[in-house]
């Protein structure tokens, strides 16, 4: 198995998901990749004041500044990509912004037309803390907001909404180091893109941003050729098993996540689906993953020790 390095540069990043983009790197299943990603905006320099405009790698970006695409040899539709996140280390600074944008949630909160508020964070990866300019301190739990592949349809696709096939901007705070994310392959070679580092985030990502930061991630990319127990996007995390739902309707997103988890419990324990649902009612946490990306995200979490 080979080890690979990938740093942000004009030829190694993308701001769209496009099956026609040439890969910037090729991996064999089982290879490891250490990748440094810039924050979602692609800042090349840290902000010295909250909200300050600084140079970006892609000045007129259409979406997140992502590393990739990375080709995985042997990946074809019908197989499943297994992305193990071994280590994630945030850069030394990050930012969070809220309000000032005309979104349905900001309108509901009465904040669509107000000036934006920005927090500028000093991040200490060794201590696992982040402190803003007001002195508020939070615990860090770093993860990548975007891990995914392009849709099979030709052309440039936005990085902003998560997708039920291929993943993308999932923004799930459970995907910390030690997690493995399973993604149904959408295009030959997978063309994996990663980025959008979050030093910390609550369920929901309610302002539309987390603590956005650059990140250095070590991951291992493998390939499953046999169908997994859960056909859609799912994960094994330190917190437990996770399934996902994505839809413009929160009810449908919730149903998708719960249906997948019910199937997983039924397969694990050899149970009818109705019995699995009854067990899920006592053990599964249904959480709003994010409200920020035009598509509701919901994840169902089954803690590892919940069923014995």
C-alpha atoms as a PDB file:
ATOM      1  CA  UNK A   1       0.000   0.000   0.000  1.00  0.00           C
ATOM      2  CA  UNK A   2       1.324   3.414  -0.949  1.00  0.00           C
ATOM      3  CA  UNK A   3       1.251   6.712   0.942  1.00  0.00           C
ATOM      4  CA  UNK A   4       0.386   9.886  -0.957  1.00  0.00           C
ATOM      5  CA  UNK A   5       0.552  13.611  -0.206  1.00  0.00           C
ATOM      6  CA  UNK A   6      -1.671  16.333  -1.619  1.00  0.00           C
ATOM      7  CA  UNK A   7      -1.277  20.059  -0.954  1.00  0.00           C
ATOM      8  CA  UNK A   8      -3.517  22.918  -2.134  1.00  0.00           C
ATOM      9  CA  UNK A   9      -2.346  24.523  -5.374  1.00  0.00           C
ATOM     10  CA  UNK A  10      -4.045  25.838  -8.527  1.00  0.00           C
ATOM     11  CA  UNK A  11      -3.803  22.404 -10.159  1.00  0.00           C
ATOM     12  CA  UNK A  12      -5.003  20.327  -7.191  1.00  0.00           C
ATOM     13  CA  UNK A  13      -8.262  21.987  -6.138  1.00  0.00           C
ATOM     14  CA  UNK A  14     -11.761  22.385  -7.511  1.00  0.00           C
ATOM     15  CA  UNK A  15     -14.801  24.480  -6.618  1.00  0.00           C
ATOM     16  CA  UNK A  16     -17.300  22.186  -8.373  1.00  0.00           C
ATOM     17  CA  UNK A  17     -18.041  18.474  -8.610  1.00  0.00           C
ATOM     18  CA  UNK A  18     -17.650  17.482 -12.258  1.00  0.00           C
ATOM     19  CA  UNK A  19     -17.266  13.947 -13.690  1.00  0.00           C
ATOM     20  CA  UNK A  20     -15.336  15.445 -16.595  1.00  0.00           C
ATOM     21  CA  UNK A  21     -12.525  16.937 -14.498  1.00  0.00           C
ATOM     22  CA  UNK A  22      -9.166  15.177 -14.855  1.00  0.00           C
ATOM     23  CA  UNK A  23      -7.930  13.576 -11.620  1.00  0.00           C
ATOM     24  CA  UNK A  24      -5.082  15.279  -9.786  1.00  0.00           C
ATOM     25  CA  UNK A  25      -3.913  12.015  -8.181  1.00  0.00           C
ATOM     26  CA  UNK A  26      -4.571   8.277  -8.515  1.00  0.00           C
ATOM     27  CA  UNK A  27      -4.818   5.810  -5.621  1.00  0.00           C
ATOM     28  CA  UNK A  28      -5.071   2.060  -5.354  1.00  0.00           C
ATOM     29  CA  UNK A  29      -7.595   0.656  -2.860  1.00  0.00           C
ATOM     30  CA  UNK A  30      -5.962   0.554   0.556  1.00  0.00           C
ATOM     31  CA  UNK A  31      -3.641   3.500  -0.131  1.00  0.00           C
ATOM     32  CA  UNK A  32      -3.343   6.300   2.395  1.00  0.00           C
ATOM     33  CA  UNK A  33      -3.538   9.991   1.590  1.00  0.00           C
ATOM     34  CA  UNK A  34      -2.386  12.919   3.691  1.00  0.00           C
ATOM     35  CA  UNK A  35      -4.169  15.959   2.312  1.00  0.00           C
ATOM     36  CA  UNK A  36      -4.023  19.576   3.395  1.00  0.00           C
ATOM     37  CA  UNK A  37      -7.123  21.547   2.544  1.00  0.00           C
ATOM     38  CA  UNK A  38      -7.776  25.264   2.845  1.00  0.00           C
ATOM     39  CA  UNK A  39     -10.929  26.537   4.514  1.00  0.00           C
ATOM     40  CA  UNK A  40     -14.153  26.431   2.501  1.00  0.00           C
ATOM     41  CA  UNK A  41     -13.419  29.890   1.059  1.00  0.00           C
ATOM     42  CA  UNK A  42      -9.878  28.935   0.039  1.00  0.00           C
ATOM     43  CA  UNK A  43      -8.097  31.583   2.118  1.00  0.00           C
ATOM     44  CA  UNK A  44      -4.353  31.708   1.487  1.00  0.00           C
ATOM     45  CA  UNK A  45      -3.735  34.003   4.468  1.00  0.00           C
ATOM     46  CA  UNK A  46      -5.339  34.241   7.884  1.00  0.00           C
ATOM     47  CA  UNK A  47      -7.780  37.000   8.660  1.00  0.00           C
ATOM     48  CA  UNK A  48      -6.357  39.618  10.995  1.00  0.00           C
ATOM     49  CA  UNK A  49      -9.782  41.085  11.771  1.00  0.00           C
ATOM     50  CA  UNK A  50     -13.161  39.323  11.735  1.00  0.00           C
ATOM     51  CA  UNK A  51     -14.570  39.141   8.213  1.00  0.00           C
ATOM     52  CA  UNK A  52     -11.501  40.718   6.623  1.00  0.00           C
ATOM     53  CA  UNK A  53     -11.082  40.043   2.925  1.00  0.00           C
ATOM     54  CA  UNK A  54      -7.862  38.100   2.296  1.00  0.00           C
ATOM     55  CA  UNK A  55      -6.384  36.481  -0.849  1.00  0.00           C
ATOM     56  CA  UNK A  56      -7.997  33.223  -1.932  1.00  0.00           C
ATOM     57  CA  UNK A  57      -6.754  30.364  -4.065  1.00  0.00           C
ATOM     58  CA  UNK A  58      -9.905  30.613  -6.221  1.00  0.00           C
ATOM     59  CA  UNK A  59     -10.928  34.250  -6.142  1.00  0.00           C
ATOM     60  CA  UNK A  60     -14.345  33.882  -7.817  1.00  0.00           C
ATOM     61  CA  UNK A  61     -15.200  30.514  -6.346  1.00  0.00           C
ATOM     62  CA  UNK A  62     -18.511  28.869  -7.241  1.00  0.00           C
ATOM     63  CA  UNK A  63     -18.455  26.646  -4.142  1.00  0.00           C
ATOM     64  CA  UNK A  64     -16.158  25.096  -1.553  1.00  0.00           C
ATOM     65  CA  UNK A  65     -12.425  24.996  -2.191  1.00  0.00           C
ATOM     66  CA  UNK A  66     -11.849  21.216  -2.324  1.00  0.00           C
ATOM     67  CA  UNK A  67      -8.873  18.943  -2.892  1.00  0.00           C
ATOM     68  CA  UNK A  68      -9.286  16.694  -5.899  1.00  0.00           C
ATOM     69  CA  UNK A  69     -10.646  15.000  -7.794  1.00  0.00           C
ATOM     70  CA  UNK A  70      -8.738  11.863  -6.748  1.00  0.00           C
ATOM     71  CA  UNK A  71      -9.104   8.733  -8.862  1.00  0.00           C
ATOM     72  CA  UNK A  72      -9.461   5.371  -7.101  1.00  0.00           C
ATOM     73  CA  UNK A  73      -8.436   2.548  -9.389  1.00  0.00           C
ATOM     74  CA  UNK A  74     -11.110  -0.114  -9.791  1.00  0.00           C
ATOM     75  CA  UNK A  75     -13.937   2.048  -8.468  1.00  0.00           C
ATOM     76  CA  UNK A  76     -17.061   1.650 -10.585  1.00  0.00           C
ATOM     77  CA  UNK A  77     -20.776   2.278 -10.030  1.00  0.00           C
ATOM     78  CA  UNK A  78     -22.033  -0.682  -8.054  1.00  0.00           C
ATOM     79  CA  UNK A  79     -19.030  -0.664  -5.726  1.00  0.00           C
ATOM     80  CA  UNK A  80     -18.713   1.256  -2.469  1.00  0.00           C
ATOM     81  CA  UNK A  81     -15.935   3.604  -1.424  1.00  0.00           C
ATOM     82  CA  UNK A  82     -14.801   3.241   2.201  1.00  0.00           C
ATOM     83  CA  UNK A  83     -13.050   6.396   3.408  1.00  0.00           C
ATOM     84  CA  UNK A  84     -11.380   5.925   6.801  1.00  0.00           C
ATOM     85  CA  UNK A  85     -10.502   9.173   8.544  1.00  0.00           C
ATOM     86  CA  UNK A  86      -7.408   8.363  10.579  1.00  0.00           C
ATOM     87  CA  UNK A  87      -6.367  11.817  11.778  1.00  0.00           C
ATOM     88  CA  UNK A  88      -7.581  15.397  11.384  1.00  0.00           C
ATOM     89  CA  UNK A  89      -5.623  18.442  12.548  1.00  0.00           C
ATOM     90  CA  UNK A  90      -7.060  21.933  12.114  1.00  0.00           C
ATOM     91  CA  UNK A  91      -4.946  24.932  11.200  1.00  0.00           C
ATOM     92  CA  UNK A  92      -4.248  27.620  13.804  1.00  0.00           C
ATOM     93  CA  UNK A  93      -7.178  29.889  12.948  1.00  0.00           C
ATOM     94  CA  UNK A  94     -10.771  29.706  11.795  1.00  0.00           C
ATOM     95  CA  UNK A  95     -13.935  31.727  11.403  1.00  0.00           C
ATOM     96  CA  UNK A  96     -17.713  31.538  11.803  1.00  0.00           C
ATOM     97  CA  UNK A  97     -20.210  33.925  10.255  1.00  0.00           C
ATOM     98  CA  UNK A  98     -23.942  34.407  10.765  1.00  0.00           C
ATOM     99  CA  UNK A  99     -26.799  36.503   9.367  1.00  0.00           C
ATOM    100  CA  UNK A 100     -26.497  39.032   6.555  1.00  0.00           C
ATOM    101  CA  UNK A 101     -27.742  36.566   3.890  1.00  0.00           C
ATOM    102  CA  UNK A 102     -31.256  36.126   2.537  1.00  0.00           C
ATOM    103  CA  UNK A 103     -31.985  32.523   3.433  1.00  0.00           C
ATOM    104  CA  UNK A 104     -35.295  31.043   4.649  1.00  0.00           C
ATOM    105  CA  UNK A 105     -33.863  30.471   8.121  1.00  0.00           C
ATOM    106  CA  UNK A 106     -32.367  33.967   8.382  1.00  0.00           C
ATOM    107  CA  UNK A 107     -35.681  35.437   7.274  1.00  0.00           C
ATOM    108  CA  UNK A 108     -37.480  33.414   9.949  1.00  0.00           C
ATOM    109  CA  UNK A 109     -34.999  34.658  12.565  1.00  0.00           C
ATOM    110  CA  UNK A 110     -35.270  38.255  11.369  1.00  0.00           C
ATOM    111  CA  UNK A 111     -31.572  38.330  10.426  1.00  0.00           C
ATOM    112  CA  UNK A 112     -31.618  38.310   6.620  1.00  0.00           C
ATOM    113  CA  UNK A 113     -31.069  42.062   6.299  1.00  0.00           C
ATOM    114  CA  UNK A 114     -28.804  42.673   9.280  1.00  0.00           C
ATOM    115  CA  UNK A 115     -25.028  43.091   8.993  1.00  0.00           C
ATOM    116  CA  UNK A 116     -23.231  39.758   9.308  1.00  0.00           C
ATOM    117  CA  UNK A 117     -21.551  38.793  12.569  1.00  0.00           C
ATOM    118  CA  UNK A 118     -18.179  37.042  12.359  1.00  0.00           C
ATOM    119  CA  UNK A 119     -16.234  35.196  15.011  1.00  0.00           C
ATOM    120  CA  UNK A 120     -12.477  34.881  14.488  1.00  0.00           C
ATOM    121  CA  UNK A 121     -11.043  31.853  16.273  1.00  0.00           C
ATOM    122  CA  UNK A 122      -7.585  30.998  17.537  1.00  0.00           C
ATOM    123  CA  UNK A 123      -7.300  27.211  17.326  1.00  0.00           C
ATOM    124  CA  UNK A 124      -5.014  25.098  19.508  1.00  0.00           C
ATOM    125  CA  UNK A 125      -5.028  21.573  18.114  1.00  0.00           C
ATOM    126  CA  UNK A 126      -2.762  20.252  20.864  1.00  0.00           C
ATOM    127  CA  UNK A 127      -5.060  21.452  23.636  1.00  0.00           C
ATOM    128  CA  UNK A 128      -8.187  20.803  21.580  1.00  0.00           C
ATOM    129  CA  UNK A 129      -9.646  24.282  22.112  1.00  0.00           C
ATOM    130  CA  UNK A 130     -10.754  27.252  20.080  1.00  0.00           C
ATOM    131  CA  UNK A 131     -11.088  30.792  21.450  1.00  0.00           C
ATOM    132  CA  UNK A 132     -12.836  33.688  19.704  1.00  0.00           C
ATOM    133  CA  UNK A 133     -12.093  37.413  19.881  1.00  0.00           C
ATOM    134  CA  UNK A 134     -14.528  37.779  22.798  1.00  0.00           C
ATOM    135  CA  UNK A 135     -12.811  35.117  24.888  1.00  0.00           C
ATOM    136  CA  UNK A 136     -15.400  32.362  24.381  1.00  0.00           C
ATOM    137  CA  UNK A 137     -13.689  28.952  24.369  1.00  0.00           C
ATOM    138  CA  UNK A 138     -15.071  25.749  22.822  1.00  0.00           C
ATOM    139  CA  UNK A 139     -13.804  22.186  22.590  1.00  0.00           C
ATOM    140  CA  UNK A 140     -12.593  21.141  19.157  1.00  0.00           C
ATOM    141  CA  UNK A 141     -13.898  18.046  17.359  1.00  0.00           C
ATOM    142  CA  UNK A 142     -12.483  18.390  13.832  1.00  0.00           C
ATOM    143  CA  UNK A 143     -13.997  16.795  10.751  1.00  0.00           C
ATOM    144  CA  UNK A 144     -14.365  17.412   7.015  1.00  0.00           C
ATOM    145  CA  UNK A 145     -17.671  18.882   5.898  1.00  0.00           C
ATOM    146  CA  UNK A 146     -17.240  17.621   2.329  1.00  0.00           C
ATOM    147  CA  UNK A 147     -16.289  14.064   1.396  1.00  0.00           C
ATOM    148  CA  UNK A 148     -17.825  12.959  -1.867  1.00  0.00           C
ATOM    149  CA  UNK A 149     -17.969  12.246  -5.567  1.00  0.00           C
ATOM    150  CA  UNK A 150     -19.628  14.006  -8.507  1.00  0.00           C
ATOM    151  CA  UNK A 151     -23.036  13.018  -9.835  1.00  0.00           C
ATOM    152  CA  UNK A 152     -22.803  10.961 -13.060  1.00  0.00           C
ATOM    153  CA  UNK A 153     -24.554  13.601 -15.180  1.00  0.00           C
ATOM    154  CA  UNK A 154     -22.069  15.625 -17.289  1.00  0.00           C
ATOM    155  CA  UNK A 155     -21.103  19.144 -16.318  1.00  0.00           C
ATOM    156  CA  UNK A 156     -20.276  21.151 -13.241  1.00  0.00           C
ATOM    157  CA  UNK A 157     -22.387  20.435 -10.141  1.00  0.00           C
ATOM    158  CA  UNK A 158     -22.562  22.631  -7.057  1.00  0.00           C
ATOM    159  CA  UNK A 159     -20.572  21.544  -4.001  1.00  0.00           C
ATOM    160  CA  UNK A 160     -23.188  23.020  -1.667  1.00  0.00           C
ATOM    161  CA  UNK A 161     -26.037  20.469  -1.377  1.00  0.00           C
ATOM    162  CA  UNK A 162     -25.340  16.973  -0.035  1.00  0.00           C
ATOM    163  CA  UNK A 163     -26.502  14.116  -2.241  1.00  0.00           C
ATOM    164  CA  UNK A 164     -27.895  10.685  -1.389  1.00  0.00           C
ATOM    165  CA  UNK A 165     -25.465   9.082  -3.824  1.00  0.00           C
ATOM    166  CA  UNK A 166     -21.857  10.161  -3.756  1.00  0.00           C
ATOM    167  CA  UNK A 167     -22.127  12.266  -0.605  1.00  0.00           C
ATOM    168  CA  UNK A 168     -20.457  15.666  -0.735  1.00  0.00           C
ATOM    169  CA  UNK A 169     -21.320  18.441   1.704  1.00  0.00           C
ATOM    170  CA  UNK A 170     -22.662  16.134   4.434  1.00  0.00           C
ATOM    171  CA  UNK A 171     -21.525  18.337   7.346  1.00  0.00           C
ATOM    172  CA  UNK A 172     -21.959  15.565   9.927  1.00  0.00           C
ATOM    173  CA  UNK A 173     -20.156  16.280  13.197  1.00  0.00           C
ATOM    174  CA  UNK A 174     -19.901  12.534  13.976  1.00  0.00           C
ATOM    175  CA  UNK A 175     -17.304  11.998  11.208  1.00  0.00           C
ATOM    176  CA  UNK A 176     -14.306  12.653  13.425  1.00  0.00           C
ATOM    177  CA  UNK A 177     -11.016  10.741  13.439  1.00  0.00           C
ATOM    178  CA  UNK A 178     -11.611   7.013  13.683  1.00  0.00           C
ATOM    179  CA  UNK A 179     -14.679   7.127  11.436  1.00  0.00           C
ATOM    180  CA  UNK A 180     -15.198   5.255   8.191  1.00  0.00           C
ATOM    181  CA  UNK A 181     -17.648   6.762   5.701  1.00  0.00           C
ATOM    182  CA  UNK A 182     -19.177   4.427   3.108  1.00  0.00           C
ATOM    183  CA  UNK A 183     -20.195   6.053  -0.186  1.00  0.00           C
ATOM    184  CA  UNK A 184     -21.838   4.342  -3.181  1.00  0.00           C
ATOM    185  CA  UNK A 185     -19.566   5.038  -6.162  1.00  0.00           C
ATOM    186  CA  UNK A 186     -21.227   7.303  -8.725  1.00  0.00           C
ATOM    187  CA  UNK A 187     -18.687   7.490 -11.565  1.00  0.00           C
ATOM    188  CA  UNK A 188     -15.789   5.366 -12.863  1.00  0.00           C
ATOM    189  CA  UNK A 189     -12.697   6.050 -10.770  1.00  0.00           C
ATOM    190  CA  UNK A 190     -14.815   7.644  -7.990  1.00  0.00           C
ATOM    191  CA  UNK A 191     -13.164  11.081  -8.480  1.00  0.00           C
ATOM    192  CA  UNK A 192     -13.211  11.749  -4.750  1.00  0.00           C
ATOM    193  CA  UNK A 193     -13.105  15.350  -3.493  1.00  0.00           C
ATOM    194  CA  UNK A 194     -12.569  16.395   0.131  1.00  0.00           C
ATOM    195  CA  UNK A 195     -12.371  19.615   2.109  1.00  0.00           C
ATOM    196  CA  UNK A 196     -14.424  22.157   4.059  1.00  0.00           C
ATOM    197  CA  UNK A 197     -12.628  21.593   7.353  1.00  0.00           C
ATOM    198  CA  UNK A 198     -14.635  22.232  10.513  1.00  0.00           C
ATOM    199  CA  UNK A 199     -12.792  22.563  13.811  1.00  0.00           C
ATOM    200  CA  UNK A 200     -16.089  22.297  15.697  1.00  0.00           C
ATOM    201  CA  UNK A 201     -19.784  22.302  14.838  1.00  0.00           C
ATOM    202  CA  UNK A 202     -23.088  21.662  16.558  1.00  0.00           C
ATOM    203  CA  UNK A 203     -25.772  19.462  15.030  1.00  0.00           C
ATOM    204  CA  UNK A 204     -27.516  21.621  12.444  1.00  0.00           C
ATOM    205  CA  UNK A 205     -24.686  24.040  11.578  1.00  0.00           C
ATOM    206  CA  UNK A 206     -27.372  26.580  12.366  1.00  0.00           C
ATOM    207  CA  UNK A 207     -25.695  29.798  11.188  1.00  0.00           C
ATOM    208  CA  UNK A 208     -24.654  28.241   7.886  1.00  0.00           C
ATOM    209  CA  UNK A 209     -21.014  27.967   8.930  1.00  0.00           C
ATOM    210  CA  UNK A 210     -19.129  25.981  11.547  1.00  0.00           C
ATOM    211  CA  UNK A 211     -15.646  26.950  12.753  1.00  0.00           C
ATOM    212  CA  UNK A 212     -14.364  27.009   9.181  1.00  0.00           C
ATOM    213  CA  UNK A 213     -10.659  26.240   8.937  1.00  0.00           C
ATOM    214  CA  UNK A 214      -7.865  24.671   6.975  1.00  0.00           C
ATOM    215  CA  UNK A 215      -7.237  21.038   7.842  1.00  0.00           C
ATOM    216  CA  UNK A 216      -4.573  18.371   7.481  1.00  0.00           C
ATOM    217  CA  UNK A 217      -6.223  14.974   7.173  1.00  0.00           C
ATOM    218  CA  UNK A 218      -4.816  11.474   6.935  1.00  0.00           C
ATOM    219  CA  UNK A 219      -7.268   9.100   5.335  1.00  0.00           C
ATOM    220  CA  UNK A 220      -7.252   5.605   3.871  1.00  0.00           C
ATOM    221  CA  UNK A 221      -9.372   4.905   0.813  1.00  0.00           C
ATOM    222  CA  UNK A 222     -10.614   1.375   0.248  1.00  0.00           C
ATOM    223  CA  UNK A 223     -13.122  -0.255  -2.065  1.00  0.00           C
ATOM    224  CA  UNK A 224     -15.931  -2.704  -1.268  1.00  0.00           C
ATOM    225  CA  UNK A 225     -17.003  -4.818  -4.222  1.00  0.00           C
ATOM    226  CA  UNK A 226     -19.764  -6.706  -2.374  1.00  0.00           C
ATOM    227  CA  UNK A 227     -22.979  -4.900  -1.412  1.00  0.00           C
ATOM    228  CA  UNK A 228     -22.798  -3.518   2.155  1.00  0.00           C
ATOM    229  CA  UNK A 229     -25.608  -4.146   4.678  1.00  0.00           C
ATOM    230  CA  UNK A 230     -26.830  -0.600   4.084  1.00  0.00           C
ATOM    231  CA  UNK A 231     -27.062   0.341   0.391  1.00  0.00           C
ATOM    232  CA  UNK A 232     -26.848   4.119   0.840  1.00  0.00           C
ATOM    233  CA  UNK A 233     -24.407   6.441   2.581  1.00  0.00           C
ATOM    234  CA  UNK A 234     -23.589   5.246   6.093  1.00  0.00           C
ATOM    235  CA  UNK A 235     -20.729   5.373   8.558  1.00  0.00           C
ATOM    236  CA  UNK A 236     -19.026   3.676  11.455  1.00  0.00           C
ATOM    237  CA  UNK A 237     -17.921   6.340  13.923  1.00  0.00           C
ATOM    238  CA  UNK A 238     -16.545   6.482  17.479  1.00  0.00           C
ATOM    239  CA  UNK A 239     -20.053   7.479  18.571  1.00  0.00           C
ATOM    240  CA  UNK A 240     -21.700   4.523  16.816  1.00  0.00           C
ATOM    241  CA  UNK A 241     -23.365   3.545  13.549  1.00  0.00           C
ATOM    242  CA  UNK A 242     -24.749   6.388  11.430  1.00  0.00           C
ATOM    243  CA  UNK A 243     -27.178   6.503   8.506  1.00  0.00           C
ATOM    244  CA  UNK A 244     -28.234   9.568   6.536  1.00  0.00           C
ATOM    245  CA  UNK A 245     -31.163  11.226   4.817  1.00  0.00           C
ATOM    246  CA  UNK A 246     -31.063  14.200   2.447  1.00  0.00           C
ATOM    247  CA  UNK A 247     -34.072  16.023   1.041  1.00  0.00           C
ATOM    248  CA  UNK A 248     -35.631  19.463   0.707  1.00  0.00           C
ATOM    249  CA  UNK A 249     -38.345  18.150   3.051  1.00  0.00           C
ATOM    250  CA  UNK A 250     -37.248  17.488   6.631  1.00  0.00           C
ATOM    251  CA  UNK A 251     -39.824  14.727   7.050  1.00  0.00           C
ATOM    252  CA  UNK A 252     -38.501  12.851   4.030  1.00  0.00           C
ATOM    253  CA  UNK A 253     -34.873  13.289   5.100  1.00  0.00           C
ATOM    254  CA  UNK A 254     -35.787  11.922   8.534  1.00  0.00           C
ATOM    255  CA  UNK A 255     -37.602   8.956   7.009  1.00  0.00           C
ATOM    256  CA  UNK A 256     -34.630   8.128   4.789  1.00  0.00           C
ATOM    257  CA  UNK A 257     -32.185   8.109   7.706  1.00  0.00           C
ATOM    258  CA  UNK A 258     -34.533   6.076   9.892  1.00  0.00           C
ATOM    259  CA  UNK A 259     -35.377   3.567   7.139  1.00  0.00           C
ATOM    260  CA  UNK A 260     -31.688   2.893   6.537  1.00  0.00           C
ATOM    261  CA  UNK A 261     -31.001   2.459  10.248  1.00  0.00           C
ATOM    262  CA  UNK A 262     -34.005   0.147  10.634  1.00  0.00           C
ATOM    263  CA  UNK A 263     -32.670  -2.016   7.802  1.00  0.00           C
ATOM    264  CA  UNK A 264     -29.217  -2.044   9.423  1.00  0.00           C
ATOM    265  CA  UNK A 265     -30.589  -3.160  12.799  1.00  0.00           C
ATOM    266  CA  UNK A 266     -32.706  -5.831  11.112  1.00  0.00           C
ATOM    267  CA  UNK A 267     -29.674  -7.159   9.236  1.00  0.00           C
ATOM    268  CA  UNK A 268     -27.421  -7.080  12.318  1.00  0.00           C
ATOM    269  CA  UNK A 269     -29.837  -8.950  14.575  1.00  0.00           C
ATOM    270  CA  UNK A 270     -31.840 -11.034  12.100  1.00  0.00           C
ATOM    271  CA  UNK A 271     -35.118  -9.272  12.912  1.00  0.00           C
ATOM    272  CA  UNK A 272     -38.264  -8.254  11.003  1.00  0.00           C
ATOM    273  CA  UNK A 273     -38.264  -4.560  10.147  1.00  0.00           C
ATOM    274  CA  UNK A 274     -41.131  -3.816  12.519  1.00  0.00           C
ATOM    275  CA  UNK A 275     -39.204  -5.309  15.436  1.00  0.00           C
ATOM    276  CA  UNK A 276     -36.085  -3.436  14.345  1.00  0.00           C
ATOM    277  CA  UNK A 277     -38.087  -0.192  14.346  1.00  0.00           C
ATOM    278  CA  UNK A 278     -39.321  -0.923  17.863  1.00  0.00           C
ATOM    279  CA  UNK A 279     -35.720  -1.372  19.003  1.00  0.00           C
ATOM    280  CA  UNK A 280     -34.721   1.808  17.174  1.00  0.00           C
ATOM    281  CA  UNK A 281     -37.304   3.763  19.159  1.00  0.00           C
ATOM    282  CA  UNK A 282     -35.421   2.899  22.354  1.00  0.00           C
ATOM    283  CA  UNK A 283     -31.861   3.242  21.099  1.00  0.00           C
ATOM    284  CA  UNK A 284     -31.499   5.441  18.007  1.00  0.00           C
ATOM    285  CA  UNK A 285     -30.935   9.205  18.126  1.00  0.00           C
ATOM    286  CA  UNK A 286     -32.403  11.080  15.156  1.00  0.00           C
ATOM    287  CA  UNK A 287     -30.506  14.321  14.633  1.00  0.00           C
ATOM    288  CA  UNK A 288     -30.653  17.235  12.218  1.00  0.00           C
ATOM    289  CA  UNK A 289     -27.233  17.122  10.565  1.00  0.00           C
ATOM    290  CA  UNK A 290     -27.408  20.522   8.918  1.00  0.00           C
ATOM    291  CA  UNK A 291     -29.944  23.164   7.865  1.00  0.00           C
ATOM    292  CA  UNK A 292     -27.544  25.237   5.777  1.00  0.00           C
ATOM    293  CA  UNK A 293     -27.201  23.692   2.344  1.00  0.00           C
ATOM    294  CA  UNK A 294     -30.535  23.986   0.474  1.00  0.00           C
ATOM    295  CA  UNK A 295     -31.152  20.334   1.335  1.00  0.00           C
ATOM    296  CA  UNK A 296     -32.013  19.162   4.850  1.00  0.00           C
ATOM    297  CA  UNK A 297     -29.611  16.638   6.291  1.00  0.00           C
ATOM    298  CA  UNK A 298     -30.681  14.181   8.992  1.00  0.00           C
ATOM    299  CA  UNK A 299     -28.631  11.399  10.529  1.00  0.00           C
ATOM    300  CA  UNK A 300     -29.666   8.474  12.688  1.00  0.00           C
ATOM    301  CA  UNK A 301     -27.125   7.419  15.321  1.00  0.00           C
ATOM    302  CA  UNK A 302     -27.081   4.003  16.975  1.00  0.00           C
ATOM    303  CA  UNK A 303     -24.508   4.110  19.801  1.00  0.00           C
ATOM    304  CA  UNK A 304     -22.201   1.091  19.728  1.00  0.00           C
ATOM    305  CA  UNK A 305     -23.234  -0.142  23.187  1.00  0.00           C
ATOM    306  CA  UNK A 306     -26.952   0.577  22.823  1.00  0.00           C
ATOM    307  CA  UNK A 307     -27.871  -2.991  21.757  1.00  0.00           C
ATOM    308  CA  UNK A 308     -26.166  -5.955  23.374  1.00  0.00           C
END
